[in-house]
Amino acid sequence: MSQDFIIYIAREAVYLMLLIAGPLLGTSLLVGLIISIFQATTQIQEQTLTFVPKIALVFIMLIVFGPWMLNLLIVFTNNLFQTIPNIMR
């Protein structure tokens, strides 16, 4: 097992993590921005107003993108398990 191979696996894991977290974080960021603009224009300074829409939309995004995220994780894990015998040689 070489150092380049370990760096490759770590890079693929970080890329996969960003790819999976991206839609959820992007949605949360966009909803937070829209709600904060709404709060600034109406001068409503309620702190809990942002949490319910963010949580609801993140759950909706999990339902929509959940199968795609799970498929990416399964492919990565299968590839990792297939390379384990090659690592031990």
N, C-alpha and C. Protein backbone atom coordinates (compact mmCIF):
# COMPACT_ATOMS: atom_id res chain seq x y z
N MET A 1 0.85 -1.17 0.00
CA MET A 1 0.00 0.00 0.00
C MET A 1 0.90 1.23 0.00
N SER A 2 0.74 2.04 -1.02
CA SER A 2 1.61 3.20 -1.15
C SER A 2 0.93 4.45 -0.59
N GLN A 3 1.75 5.43 -0.41
CA GLN A 3 1.25 6.70 0.11
C GLN A 3 0.33 7.37 -0.91
N ASP A 4 0.63 7.22 -2.18
CA ASP A 4 -0.22 7.81 -3.22
C ASP A 4 -1.62 7.21 -3.22
N PHE A 5 -1.70 5.91 -2.95
CA PHE A 5 -3.00 5.25 -2.92
C PHE A 5 -3.84 5.74 -1.74
N ILE A 6 -3.21 5.93 -0.60
CA ILE A 6 -3.93 6.43 0.58
C ILE A 6 -4.42 7.85 0.33
N ILE A 7 -3.60 8.66 -0.28
CA ILE A 7 -4.00 10.04 -0.60
C ILE A 7 -5.14 10.03 -1.62
N TYR A 8 -5.10 9.11 -2.57
CA TYR A 8 -6.17 8.99 -3.56
C TYR A 8 -7.49 8.63 -2.88
N ILE A 9 -7.47 7.65 -1.98
CA ILE A 9 -8.70 7.26 -1.29
C ILE A 9 -9.22 8.40 -0.42
N ALA A 10 -8.33 9.09 0.27
CA ALA A 10 -8.75 10.22 1.10
C ALA A 10 -9.34 11.34 0.25
N ARG A 11 -8.74 11.60 -0.90
CA ARG A 11 -9.26 12.64 -1.79
C ARG A 11 -10.64 12.26 -2.32
N GLU A 12 -10.82 10.99 -2.68
CA GLU A 12 -12.12 10.53 -3.16
C GLU A 12 -13.17 10.60 -2.05
N ALA A 13 -12.78 10.30 -0.81
CA ALA A 13 -13.72 10.36 0.31
C ALA A 13 -14.15 11.80 0.58
N VAL A 14 -13.22 12.73 0.54
CA VAL A 14 -13.55 14.14 0.76
C VAL A 14 -14.42 14.66 -0.37
N TYR A 15 -14.10 14.28 -1.61
CA TYR A 15 -14.91 14.69 -2.75
C TYR A 15 -16.34 14.16 -2.63
N LEU A 16 -16.47 12.89 -2.22
CA LEU A 16 -17.78 12.30 -2.04
C LEU A 16 -18.56 13.00 -0.93
N MET A 17 -17.88 13.33 0.16
CA MET A 17 -18.52 14.03 1.26
C MET A 17 -19.06 15.40 0.80
N LEU A 18 -18.26 16.13 0.03
CA LEU A 18 -18.71 17.42 -0.47
C LEU A 18 -19.85 17.28 -1.47
N LEU A 19 -19.79 16.24 -2.29
CA LEU A 19 -20.83 16.00 -3.29
C LEU A 19 -22.15 15.65 -2.61
N ILE A 20 -22.09 14.89 -1.54
CA ILE A 20 -23.31 14.50 -0.84
C ILE A 20 -23.86 15.67 -0.01
N ALA A 21 -23.00 16.40 0.66
CA ALA A 21 -23.47 17.49 1.53
C ALA A 21 -23.84 18.75 0.75
N GLY A 22 -23.37 18.87 -0.48
CA GLY A 22 -23.59 20.09 -1.26
C GLY A 22 -25.03 20.50 -1.44
N PRO A 23 -25.91 19.61 -1.93
CA PRO A 23 -27.30 20.03 -2.12
C PRO A 23 -28.00 20.43 -0.83
N LEU A 24 -27.72 19.72 0.25
CA LEU A 24 -28.36 20.05 1.53
C LEU A 24 -27.86 21.38 2.07
N LEU A 25 -26.55 21.58 2.04
CA LEU A 25 -25.99 22.84 2.53
C LEU A 25 -26.37 24.02 1.64
N GLY A 26 -26.40 23.80 0.35
CA GLY A 26 -26.78 24.86 -0.58
C GLY A 26 -28.22 25.29 -0.37
N THR A 27 -29.10 24.31 -0.19
CA THR A 27 -30.50 24.63 0.06
C THR A 27 -30.67 25.39 1.37
N SER A 28 -29.99 24.92 2.39
CA SER A 28 -30.07 25.59 3.69
C SER A 28 -29.54 27.02 3.61
N LEU A 29 -28.45 27.20 2.89
CA LEU A 29 -27.88 28.54 2.73
C LEU A 29 -28.83 29.46 1.96
N LEU A 30 -29.42 28.96 0.89
CA LEU A 30 -30.32 29.76 0.08
C LEU A 30 -31.58 30.15 0.86
N VAL A 31 -32.15 29.20 1.59
CA VAL A 31 -33.34 29.50 2.38
C VAL A 31 -33.00 30.49 3.49
N GLY A 32 -31.86 30.32 4.14
CA GLY A 32 -31.45 31.26 5.18
C GLY A 32 -31.27 32.67 4.64
N LEU A 33 -30.68 32.76 3.44
CA LEU A 33 -30.50 34.08 2.82
C LEU A 33 -31.82 34.73 2.49
N ILE A 34 -32.74 33.96 1.93
CA ILE A 34 -34.06 34.52 1.58
C ILE A 34 -34.81 34.97 2.82
N ILE A 35 -34.76 34.16 3.86
CA ILE A 35 -35.47 34.52 5.10
C ILE A 35 -34.82 35.72 5.78
N SER A 36 -33.50 35.80 5.74
CA SER A 36 -32.85 36.96 6.37
C SER A 36 -33.13 38.24 5.59
N ILE A 37 -33.24 38.16 4.27
CA ILE A 37 -33.64 39.34 3.49
C ILE A 37 -35.07 39.74 3.84
N PHE A 38 -35.94 38.73 3.97
CA PHE A 38 -37.32 39.00 4.37
C PHE A 38 -37.36 39.65 5.76
N GLN A 39 -36.57 39.15 6.69
CA GLN A 39 -36.54 39.72 8.04
C GLN A 39 -35.99 41.14 8.03
N ALA A 40 -35.01 41.39 7.19
CA ALA A 40 -34.43 42.74 7.13
C ALA A 40 -35.42 43.74 6.55
N THR A 41 -36.19 43.32 5.55
CA THR A 41 -37.13 44.26 4.93
C THR A 41 -38.35 44.50 5.81
N THR A 42 -38.79 43.48 6.53
CA THR A 42 -39.98 43.66 7.37
C THR A 42 -39.63 44.01 8.81
N GLN A 43 -38.37 44.02 9.15
CA GLN A 43 -37.86 44.31 10.49
C GLN A 43 -38.42 43.35 11.54
N ILE A 44 -38.67 42.12 11.13
CA ILE A 44 -39.04 41.06 12.07
C ILE A 44 -37.74 40.39 12.50
N GLN A 45 -37.42 40.44 13.76
CA GLN A 45 -36.16 39.89 14.25
C GLN A 45 -36.39 38.66 15.12
N GLU A 46 -37.17 37.74 14.62
CA GLU A 46 -37.44 36.51 15.35
C GLU A 46 -36.38 35.47 14.97
N GLN A 47 -35.64 34.97 15.96
CA GLN A 47 -34.53 34.04 15.70
C GLN A 47 -35.02 32.67 15.25
N THR A 48 -36.16 32.24 15.74
CA THR A 48 -36.64 30.90 15.41
C THR A 48 -37.33 30.83 14.06
N LEU A 49 -37.53 31.96 13.41
CA LEU A 49 -38.22 31.98 12.13
C LEU A 49 -37.43 31.25 11.04
N THR A 50 -36.13 31.22 11.15
CA THR A 50 -35.33 30.59 10.10
C THR A 50 -35.24 29.08 10.24
N PHE A 51 -35.45 28.54 11.42
CA PHE A 51 -35.20 27.12 11.64
C PHE A 51 -36.23 26.22 10.98
N VAL A 52 -37.49 26.53 11.10
CA VAL A 52 -38.54 25.65 10.58
C VAL A 52 -38.47 25.51 9.06
N PRO A 53 -38.36 26.59 8.29
CA PRO A 53 -38.24 26.40 6.83
C PRO A 53 -36.96 25.68 6.43
N LYS A 54 -35.86 25.96 7.12
CA LYS A 54 -34.61 25.27 6.79
C LYS A 54 -34.73 23.77 7.04
N ILE A 55 -35.25 23.40 8.18
CA ILE A 55 -35.39 21.98 8.51
C ILE A 55 -36.34 21.30 7.55
N ALA A 56 -37.46 21.95 7.24
CA ALA A 56 -38.44 21.36 6.32
C ALA A 56 -37.82 21.15 4.93
N LEU A 57 -37.10 22.15 4.42
CA LEU A 57 -36.53 22.01 3.09
C LEU A 57 -35.36 21.02 3.06
N VAL A 58 -34.61 20.93 4.14
CA VAL A 58 -33.54 19.93 4.18
C VAL A 58 -34.14 18.52 4.16
N PHE A 59 -35.24 18.30 4.88
CA PHE A 59 -35.90 17.00 4.83
C PHE A 59 -36.46 16.70 3.45
N ILE A 60 -37.01 17.70 2.80
CA ILE A 60 -37.50 17.51 1.43
C ILE A 60 -36.35 17.18 0.49
N MET A 61 -35.23 17.87 0.65
CA MET A 61 -34.07 17.59 -0.18
C MET A 61 -33.51 16.19 0.10
N LEU A 62 -33.58 15.74 1.34
CA LEU A 62 -33.16 14.38 1.66
C LEU A 62 -34.06 13.36 0.98
N ILE A 63 -35.34 13.63 0.92
CA ILE A 63 -36.25 12.72 0.24
C ILE A 63 -35.98 12.72 -1.27
N VAL A 64 -35.74 13.89 -1.83
CA VAL A 64 -35.51 14.00 -3.28
C VAL A 64 -34.15 13.42 -3.67
N PHE A 65 -33.10 13.83 -2.96
CA PHE A 65 -31.74 13.43 -3.33
C PHE A 65 -31.24 12.21 -2.56
N GLY A 66 -32.03 11.67 -1.65
CA GLY A 66 -31.62 10.54 -0.84
C GLY A 66 -31.17 9.32 -1.64
N PRO A 67 -31.96 8.88 -2.63
CA PRO A 67 -31.51 7.72 -3.41
C PRO A 67 -30.21 7.97 -4.16
N TRP A 68 -30.02 9.17 -4.69
CA TRP A 68 -28.78 9.49 -5.40
C TRP A 68 -27.60 9.48 -4.43
N MET A 69 -27.78 10.06 -3.24
CA MET A 69 -26.72 10.07 -2.24
C MET A 69 -26.37 8.65 -1.79
N LEU A 70 -27.40 7.85 -1.57
CA LEU A 70 -27.16 6.47 -1.15
C LEU A 70 -26.46 5.68 -2.23
N ASN A 71 -26.81 5.91 -3.48
CA ASN A 71 -26.15 5.23 -4.59
C ASN A 71 -24.67 5.59 -4.65
N LEU A 72 -24.35 6.86 -4.46
CA LEU A 72 -22.94 7.28 -4.45
C LEU A 72 -22.17 6.61 -3.31
N LEU A 73 -22.78 6.55 -2.15
CA LEU A 73 -22.13 5.91 -1.01
C LEU A 73 -21.93 4.41 -1.23
N ILE A 74 -22.92 3.76 -1.85
CA ILE A 74 -22.81 2.33 -2.12
C ILE A 74 -21.71 2.05 -3.12
N VAL A 75 -21.62 2.85 -4.18
CA VAL A 75 -20.58 2.65 -5.19
C VAL A 75 -19.19 2.86 -4.57
N PHE A 76 -19.05 3.91 -3.77
CA PHE A 76 -17.76 4.17 -3.13
C PHE A 76 -17.37 3.04 -2.19
N THR A 77 -18.33 2.58 -1.39
CA THR A 77 -18.04 1.51 -0.44
C THR A 77 -17.71 0.20 -1.16
N ASN A 78 -18.44 -0.11 -2.22
CA ASN A 78 -18.14 -1.33 -2.99
C ASN A 78 -16.75 -1.26 -3.60
N ASN A 79 -16.39 -0.10 -4.14
CA ASN A 79 -15.04 0.06 -4.70
C ASN A 79 -13.98 -0.08 -3.62
N LEU A 80 -14.26 0.46 -2.46
CA LEU A 80 -13.31 0.35 -1.35
C LEU A 80 -13.15 -1.10 -0.90
N PHE A 81 -14.27 -1.82 -0.78
CA PHE A 81 -14.21 -3.22 -0.38
C PHE A 81 -13.52 -4.09 -1.43
N GLN A 82 -13.67 -3.74 -2.70
CA GLN A 82 -13.01 -4.51 -3.75
C GLN A 82 -11.50 -4.28 -3.78
N THR A 83 -11.07 -3.13 -3.30
CA THR A 83 -9.62 -2.87 -3.30
C THR A 83 -8.93 -3.37 -2.05
N ILE A 84 -9.68 -3.76 -1.03
CA ILE A 84 -9.05 -4.25 0.21
C ILE A 84 -8.17 -5.47 -0.05
N PRO A 85 -8.61 -6.48 -0.81
CA PRO A 85 -7.69 -7.61 -1.06
C PRO A 85 -6.41 -7.20 -1.80
N ASN A 86 -6.50 -6.23 -2.67
CA ASN A 86 -5.32 -5.77 -3.40
C ASN A 86 -4.36 -5.01 -2.48
N ILE A 87 -4.90 -4.38 -1.46
CA ILE A 87 -4.07 -3.64 -0.51
C ILE A 87 -3.26 -4.60 0.35
N MET A 88 -3.89 -5.71 0.72
CA MET A 88 -3.23 -6.65 1.62
C MET A 88 -2.13 -7.47 0.96
N ARG A 89 -2.03 -7.45 -0.34
CA ARG A 89 -0.99 -8.22 -1.04
C ARG A 89 0.35 -7.59 -0.93
